[in-house]
């Protein structure tokens, strides 16, 4: 694709990207709405065997709602929920399901969800090791 290597996110491990010294990737989410995310590898270190991975270290801004209508729809939504004078101010938060704060990344929920992924990974590795022994 335009001289770039395209990989399937479902089957590509981050380890593969790091092992090939890739420093940045573009992740396209929802081809219909065309959300492009630039992911930059800032550092790679040795994993601590006493910690569960994946982990959230830091973050910025809340993820946008599903099916908000791409970048233009998101900016319309953002204006409606953050400006009381906007015509959609009452309607859009109801569509979304509640209040929306673009600066709240909800780190607690993200850490809990990543913890569930880490737990499934540990269980899968343990089952694999048991089958091999």
N, C-alpha and C. Protein backbone atom coordinates (compact mmCIF):
# COMPACT_ATOMS: atom_id res chain seq x y z
N UNK A 1 0.86 -1.18 0.00
CA UNK A 1 0.00 0.00 0.00
C UNK A 1 0.90 1.23 0.00
N UNK A 2 1.08 1.87 -1.12
CA UNK A 2 1.89 3.08 -1.27
C UNK A 2 3.29 2.91 -0.70
N UNK A 3 3.89 1.75 -0.92
CA UNK A 3 5.25 1.50 -0.47
C UNK A 3 5.37 1.18 1.01
N UNK A 4 4.25 1.00 1.67
CA UNK A 4 4.28 0.68 3.11
C UNK A 4 3.84 -0.76 3.33
N UNK A 5 4.37 -1.36 4.34
CA UNK A 5 3.97 -2.72 4.69
C UNK A 5 2.69 -2.66 5.51
N UNK A 6 1.69 -3.41 5.09
CA UNK A 6 0.41 -3.45 5.79
C UNK A 6 0.32 -4.77 6.53
N UNK A 7 0.01 -4.70 7.82
CA UNK A 7 -0.07 -5.90 8.65
C UNK A 7 -1.44 -5.97 9.30
N UNK A 8 -1.91 -7.17 9.54
CA UNK A 8 -3.20 -7.38 10.19
C UNK A 8 -3.03 -7.23 11.70
N UNK A 9 -3.77 -6.32 12.30
CA UNK A 9 -3.64 -6.05 13.74
C UNK A 9 -4.04 -7.27 14.60
N UNK A 10 -4.93 -8.12 14.07
CA UNK A 10 -5.35 -9.29 14.84
C UNK A 10 -4.25 -10.33 14.96
N UNK A 11 -3.35 -10.36 13.99
CA UNK A 11 -2.34 -11.42 13.98
C UNK A 11 -0.92 -10.90 14.20
N UNK A 12 -0.75 -9.61 14.36
CA UNK A 12 0.58 -9.04 14.52
C UNK A 12 0.86 -8.76 15.99
N UNK A 13 1.93 -9.28 16.48
CA UNK A 13 2.34 -9.04 17.87
C UNK A 13 3.24 -7.80 17.92
N UNK A 14 3.09 -7.01 18.96
CA UNK A 14 3.95 -5.84 19.12
C UNK A 14 5.42 -6.24 19.16
N UNK A 15 5.69 -7.41 19.72
CA UNK A 15 7.06 -7.91 19.79
C UNK A 15 7.68 -7.97 18.38
N UNK A 16 6.88 -8.40 17.39
CA UNK A 16 7.37 -8.49 16.02
C UNK A 16 7.78 -7.12 15.49
N UNK A 17 6.99 -6.13 15.79
CA UNK A 17 7.28 -4.77 15.34
C UNK A 17 8.56 -4.27 16.00
N UNK A 18 8.70 -4.48 17.28
CA UNK A 18 9.88 -4.02 18.02
C UNK A 18 11.12 -4.77 17.56
N UNK A 19 11.00 -6.08 17.34
CA UNK A 19 12.15 -6.87 16.90
C UNK A 19 12.68 -6.43 15.54
N UNK A 20 11.83 -5.82 14.72
CA UNK A 20 12.25 -5.32 13.41
C UNK A 20 12.64 -3.85 13.46
N UNK A 21 12.88 -3.33 14.66
CA UNK A 21 13.34 -1.96 14.88
C UNK A 21 12.40 -0.90 14.29
N UNK A 22 11.12 -1.21 14.25
CA UNK A 22 10.14 -0.22 13.78
C UNK A 22 9.93 0.78 14.91
N UNK A 23 10.07 2.04 14.60
CA UNK A 23 9.96 3.08 15.62
C UNK A 23 8.59 3.74 15.67
N UNK A 24 7.81 3.61 14.59
CA UNK A 24 6.48 4.21 14.56
C UNK A 24 5.60 3.43 13.59
N UNK A 25 4.31 3.34 13.94
CA UNK A 25 3.34 2.70 13.06
C UNK A 25 2.10 3.58 12.99
N UNK A 26 1.35 3.40 11.92
CA UNK A 26 0.04 4.03 11.80
C UNK A 26 -0.97 2.92 11.91
N UNK A 27 -1.85 3.03 12.89
CA UNK A 27 -2.89 2.04 13.11
C UNK A 27 -4.21 2.65 12.63
N UNK A 28 -4.86 2.00 11.69
CA UNK A 28 -6.14 2.50 11.18
C UNK A 28 -7.25 1.70 11.83
N UNK A 29 -8.10 2.42 12.55
CA UNK A 29 -9.25 1.81 13.23
C UNK A 29 -10.51 2.27 12.52
N UNK A 30 -11.38 1.36 12.22
CA UNK A 30 -12.67 1.66 11.60
C UNK A 30 -12.46 2.30 10.23
N UNK A 31 -12.23 1.46 9.24
CA UNK A 31 -11.96 1.96 7.90
C UNK A 31 -13.08 2.85 7.37
N UNK A 32 -14.32 2.66 7.84
CA UNK A 32 -15.42 3.51 7.40
C UNK A 32 -15.27 4.95 7.88
N UNK A 33 -14.90 5.12 9.14
CA UNK A 33 -14.72 6.47 9.69
C UNK A 33 -13.28 6.96 9.55
N UNK A 34 -12.37 6.03 9.21
CA UNK A 34 -10.99 6.39 8.88
C UNK A 34 -10.22 7.05 10.02
N UNK A 35 -10.20 6.39 11.16
CA UNK A 35 -9.43 6.90 12.31
C UNK A 35 -7.99 6.42 12.19
N UNK A 36 -7.06 7.34 12.09
CA UNK A 36 -5.63 7.02 12.00
C UNK A 36 -4.98 7.34 13.35
N UNK A 37 -4.28 6.38 13.91
CA UNK A 37 -3.57 6.58 15.17
C UNK A 37 -2.08 6.38 14.91
N UNK A 38 -1.29 7.32 15.29
CA UNK A 38 0.17 7.23 15.14
C UNK A 38 0.72 6.71 16.46
N UNK A 39 1.39 5.57 16.42
CA UNK A 39 1.95 4.93 17.61
C UNK A 39 3.46 4.98 17.48
N UNK A 40 4.09 5.58 18.46
CA UNK A 40 5.54 5.76 18.44
C UNK A 40 6.16 4.94 19.57
N UNK A 41 7.15 4.14 19.22
CA UNK A 41 7.88 3.36 20.22
C UNK A 41 8.94 4.29 20.81
N UNK A 42 8.75 4.68 22.07
CA UNK A 42 9.68 5.61 22.70
C UNK A 42 10.84 4.89 23.38
N UNK A 43 10.56 3.71 23.92
CA UNK A 43 11.60 2.96 24.61
C UNK A 43 11.17 1.51 24.73
N UNK A 44 12.15 0.65 24.77
CA UNK A 44 11.92 -0.78 24.99
C UNK A 44 12.84 -1.19 26.12
N UNK A 45 12.26 -1.82 27.12
CA UNK A 45 13.07 -2.24 28.26
C UNK A 45 12.85 -3.71 28.57
N UNK A 46 13.54 -4.17 29.56
CA UNK A 46 13.41 -5.55 30.00
C UNK A 46 12.16 -5.67 30.86
N UNK A 47 11.37 -6.68 30.59
CA UNK A 47 10.14 -6.90 31.34
C UNK A 47 10.45 -7.33 32.77
N UNK A 48 9.67 -6.84 33.70
CA UNK A 48 9.79 -7.25 35.10
C UNK A 48 8.93 -8.49 35.29
N UNK A 49 9.51 -9.63 35.65
CA UNK A 49 8.73 -10.87 35.77
C UNK A 49 7.67 -10.81 36.88
N UNK A 50 7.78 -9.83 37.77
CA UNK A 50 6.81 -9.70 38.86
C UNK A 50 5.60 -8.84 38.48
N UNK A 51 5.58 -8.30 37.27
CA UNK A 51 4.48 -7.46 36.82
C UNK A 51 3.69 -8.16 35.73
N UNK A 52 2.41 -7.83 35.66
CA UNK A 52 1.55 -8.38 34.60
C UNK A 52 1.53 -7.39 33.43
N UNK A 53 1.57 -7.92 32.22
CA UNK A 53 1.54 -7.09 31.02
C UNK A 53 0.37 -7.52 30.15
N UNK A 54 -0.25 -6.63 29.41
CA UNK A 54 0.09 -5.23 29.14
C UNK A 54 -0.26 -4.34 30.33
N UNK A 55 0.36 -3.15 30.35
CA UNK A 55 0.16 -2.18 31.43
C UNK A 55 -0.04 -0.79 30.83
N UNK A 56 -0.80 0.03 31.55
CA UNK A 56 -0.95 1.43 31.18
C UNK A 56 -0.03 2.24 32.07
N UNK A 57 0.86 2.99 31.45
CA UNK A 57 1.76 3.85 32.21
C UNK A 57 1.21 5.27 32.27
N UNK A 58 0.72 5.75 31.15
CA UNK A 58 0.24 7.12 31.08
C UNK A 58 -0.67 7.25 29.87
N UNK A 59 -1.44 8.30 29.82
CA UNK A 59 -2.33 8.50 28.69
C UNK A 59 -2.80 9.94 28.62
N UNK A 60 -3.44 10.25 27.51
CA UNK A 60 -3.95 11.59 27.28
C UNK A 60 -5.29 11.51 26.59
N UNK A 61 -6.24 12.20 27.07
CA UNK A 61 -7.57 12.38 26.47
C UNK A 61 -8.36 11.08 26.38
N UNK A 62 -9.63 11.24 26.42
CA UNK A 62 -10.60 10.14 26.37
C UNK A 62 -10.77 9.66 24.94
N UNK A 63 -11.01 8.39 24.77
CA UNK A 63 -11.32 7.87 23.44
C UNK A 63 -12.66 8.40 22.96
N UNK A 64 -12.81 8.52 21.68
CA UNK A 64 -14.06 9.05 21.14
C UNK A 64 -15.11 7.95 21.13
N UNK A 65 -16.39 8.34 21.11
CA UNK A 65 -17.45 7.34 21.09
C UNK A 65 -17.45 6.55 19.78
N UNK A 66 -17.94 5.32 19.84
CA UNK A 66 -18.10 4.51 18.63
C UNK A 66 -19.14 5.15 17.71
N UNK A 67 -18.92 5.02 16.43
CA UNK A 67 -19.87 5.47 15.42
C UNK A 67 -20.27 6.93 15.55
N UNK A 68 -19.30 7.77 15.90
CA UNK A 68 -19.57 9.20 16.05
C UNK A 68 -19.51 9.93 14.71
N UNK A 69 -19.05 9.26 13.67
CA UNK A 69 -19.04 9.86 12.34
C UNK A 69 -17.69 10.37 11.89
N UNK A 70 -16.64 9.68 12.27
CA UNK A 70 -15.30 10.10 11.84
C UNK A 70 -14.86 11.39 12.51
N UNK A 71 -13.80 11.97 11.99
CA UNK A 71 -13.23 13.18 12.58
C UNK A 71 -14.24 14.33 12.57
N UNK A 72 -14.91 14.62 11.45
CA UNK A 72 -15.88 15.72 11.48
C UNK A 72 -17.02 15.48 12.48
N UNK A 73 -17.52 14.26 12.54
CA UNK A 73 -18.58 13.93 13.50
C UNK A 73 -18.12 14.08 14.93
N UNK A 74 -16.86 13.69 15.19
CA UNK A 74 -16.33 13.82 16.55
C UNK A 74 -16.25 15.29 16.95
N UNK A 75 -15.78 16.15 16.04
CA UNK A 75 -15.69 17.57 16.39
C UNK A 75 -17.08 18.17 16.60
N UNK A 76 -18.08 17.73 15.83
CA UNK A 76 -19.46 18.18 16.07
C UNK A 76 -19.93 17.72 17.44
N UNK A 77 -19.66 16.45 17.76
CA UNK A 77 -20.05 15.88 19.05
C UNK A 77 -19.36 16.63 20.19
N UNK A 78 -18.06 16.85 20.03
CA UNK A 78 -17.28 17.54 21.06
C UNK A 78 -17.83 18.93 21.32
N UNK A 79 -18.13 19.66 20.25
CA UNK A 79 -18.72 20.99 20.42
C UNK A 79 -20.06 20.93 21.13
N UNK A 80 -20.88 19.95 20.76
CA UNK A 80 -22.21 19.84 21.36
C UNK A 80 -22.15 19.51 22.84
N UNK A 81 -21.25 18.63 23.25
CA UNK A 81 -21.23 18.24 24.66
C UNK A 81 -20.46 19.21 25.55
N UNK A 82 -19.63 20.05 24.97
CA UNK A 82 -18.83 20.96 25.79
C UNK A 82 -19.31 22.42 25.75
N UNK A 83 -20.24 22.73 24.84
CA UNK A 83 -20.74 24.11 24.74
C UNK A 83 -22.25 24.13 24.98
N UNK A 84 -22.67 24.65 26.14
CA UNK A 84 -24.11 24.66 26.47
C UNK A 84 -24.99 25.34 25.43
N UNK A 85 -24.48 26.29 24.66
CA UNK A 85 -25.29 26.98 23.66
C UNK A 85 -25.47 26.20 22.37
N UNK A 86 -24.75 25.11 22.19
CA UNK A 86 -24.83 24.32 20.96
C UNK A 86 -26.19 23.62 20.89
N UNK A 87 -26.82 23.59 19.71
CA UNK A 87 -28.14 22.95 19.57
C UNK A 87 -28.16 21.48 19.99
N UNK A 88 -27.07 20.77 19.84
CA UNK A 88 -27.04 19.35 20.21
C UNK A 88 -26.65 19.09 21.65
N UNK A 89 -26.48 20.16 22.45
CA UNK A 89 -25.97 20.01 23.82
C UNK A 89 -26.81 19.05 24.67
N UNK A 90 -28.11 19.06 24.55
CA UNK A 90 -28.96 18.16 25.34
C UNK A 90 -29.10 16.79 24.68
N UNK A 91 -29.18 16.75 23.34
CA UNK A 91 -29.44 15.52 22.61
C UNK A 91 -28.25 14.57 22.57
N UNK A 92 -27.05 15.07 22.26
CA UNK A 92 -25.90 14.19 22.05
C UNK A 92 -25.43 13.47 23.31
N UNK A 93 -25.39 14.10 24.47
CA UNK A 93 -25.01 13.31 25.65
C UNK A 93 -25.97 12.15 25.90
N UNK A 94 -27.25 12.33 25.55
CA UNK A 94 -28.23 11.25 25.71
C UNK A 94 -27.89 10.11 24.75
N UNK A 95 -27.56 10.46 23.48
CA UNK A 95 -27.17 9.45 22.50
C UNK A 95 -25.93 8.70 22.98
N UNK A 96 -24.99 9.42 23.54
CA UNK A 96 -23.75 8.82 24.00
C UNK A 96 -23.97 7.94 25.21
N UNK A 97 -24.91 8.29 26.04
CA UNK A 97 -25.21 7.49 27.22
C UNK A 97 -24.82 8.16 28.52
N UNK A 98 -24.48 9.42 28.50
CA UNK A 98 -24.13 10.14 29.72
C UNK A 98 -23.18 11.27 29.43
N UNK A 99 -22.64 11.86 30.47
CA UNK A 99 -21.70 12.96 30.26
C UNK A 99 -20.41 12.47 29.61
N UNK A 100 -19.75 13.37 28.90
CA UNK A 100 -18.51 13.04 28.21
C UNK A 100 -17.50 14.13 28.50
N UNK A 101 -16.36 13.74 29.04
CA UNK A 101 -15.28 14.67 29.32
C UNK A 101 -14.09 14.26 28.46
N UNK A 102 -13.73 15.05 27.44
CA UNK A 102 -12.65 14.66 26.54
C UNK A 102 -11.29 14.53 27.21
N UNK A 103 -11.14 15.09 28.40
CA UNK A 103 -9.85 15.01 29.08
C UNK A 103 -9.76 13.87 30.10
N UNK A 104 -10.86 13.14 30.30
CA UNK A 104 -10.87 12.04 31.27
C UNK A 104 -10.58 10.73 30.55
N UNK A 105 -9.38 10.18 30.75
CA UNK A 105 -9.03 8.93 30.06
C UNK A 105 -9.54 7.69 30.80
N UNK A 106 -10.10 7.88 32.00
CA UNK A 106 -10.61 6.77 32.80
C UNK A 106 -9.53 5.69 32.96
N UNK A 107 -8.42 6.11 33.54
CA UNK A 107 -7.27 5.22 33.71
C UNK A 107 -7.63 3.98 34.53
N UNK A 108 -8.52 4.13 35.50
CA UNK A 108 -8.90 2.98 36.35
C UNK A 108 -9.52 1.87 35.50
N UNK A 109 -10.50 2.22 34.67
CA UNK A 109 -11.16 1.22 33.82
C UNK A 109 -10.18 0.63 32.82
N UNK A 110 -9.33 1.47 32.25
CA UNK A 110 -8.33 0.98 31.29
C UNK A 110 -7.39 -0.01 31.96
N UNK A 111 -6.94 0.30 33.16
CA UNK A 111 -6.05 -0.63 33.88
C UNK A 111 -6.76 -1.93 34.21
N UNK A 112 -8.04 -1.86 34.59
CA UNK A 112 -8.80 -3.08 34.87
C UNK A 112 -8.93 -3.95 33.62
N UNK A 113 -9.22 -3.33 32.48
CA UNK A 113 -9.37 -4.09 31.23
C UNK A 113 -8.04 -4.69 30.79
N UNK A 114 -6.97 -3.94 30.92
CA UNK A 114 -5.65 -4.49 30.59
C UNK A 114 -5.29 -5.62 31.54
N UNK A 115 -5.70 -5.51 32.80
CA UNK A 115 -5.47 -6.57 33.77
C UNK A 115 -6.19 -7.86 33.37
N UNK A 116 -7.40 -7.72 32.81
CA UNK A 116 -8.13 -8.91 32.34
C UNK A 116 -7.41 -9.56 31.17
N UNK A 117 -6.84 -8.74 30.28
CA UNK A 117 -6.07 -9.29 29.16
C UNK A 117 -4.84 -10.03 29.69
N UNK A 118 -4.15 -9.41 30.65
CA UNK A 118 -2.96 -10.04 31.23
C UNK A 118 -3.32 -11.36 31.91
N UNK A 119 -4.45 -11.41 32.58
CA UNK A 119 -4.89 -12.63 33.26
C UNK A 119 -5.17 -13.74 32.24
N UNK A 120 -5.82 -13.40 31.12
CA UNK A 120 -6.07 -14.40 30.07
C UNK A 120 -4.76 -14.89 29.47
N UNK A 121 -3.80 -13.98 29.30
CA UNK A 121 -2.50 -14.38 28.75
C UNK A 121 -1.79 -15.34 29.69
N UNK A 122 -1.81 -15.03 30.98
CA UNK A 122 -1.16 -15.93 31.96
C UNK A 122 -1.82 -17.29 31.96
N UNK A 123 -3.16 -17.31 31.90
CA UNK A 123 -3.89 -18.58 31.90
C UNK A 123 -3.56 -19.39 30.64
N UNK A 124 -3.47 -18.70 29.49
CA UNK A 124 -3.13 -19.37 28.24
C UNK A 124 -1.73 -19.94 28.26
N UNK A 125 -0.78 -19.18 28.80
CA UNK A 125 0.60 -19.66 28.88
C UNK A 125 0.71 -20.84 29.83
N UNK A 126 -0.03 -20.80 30.94
CA UNK A 126 0.00 -21.91 31.90
C UNK A 126 -0.57 -23.17 31.28
N UNK A 127 -1.69 -23.03 30.53
CA UNK A 127 -2.30 -24.19 29.89
C UNK A 127 -1.37 -24.76 28.83
N UNK A 128 -0.71 -23.89 28.08
CA UNK A 128 0.23 -24.33 27.05
C UNK A 128 1.40 -25.08 27.70
N UNK A 129 1.95 -24.55 28.78
CA UNK A 129 3.06 -25.21 29.47
C UNK A 129 2.63 -26.56 30.03
N UNK A 130 1.40 -26.64 30.53
CA UNK A 130 0.90 -27.89 31.08
C UNK A 130 0.76 -28.96 29.99
N UNK A 131 0.27 -28.55 28.81
CA UNK A 131 0.12 -29.51 27.70
C UNK A 131 1.48 -30.00 27.23
N UNK A 132 2.49 -29.15 27.29
CA UNK A 132 3.82 -29.52 26.80
C UNK A 132 4.58 -30.42 27.78
N UNK A 133 4.17 -30.41 29.03
CA UNK A 133 4.92 -31.23 30.01
C UNK A 133 4.38 -32.62 30.14
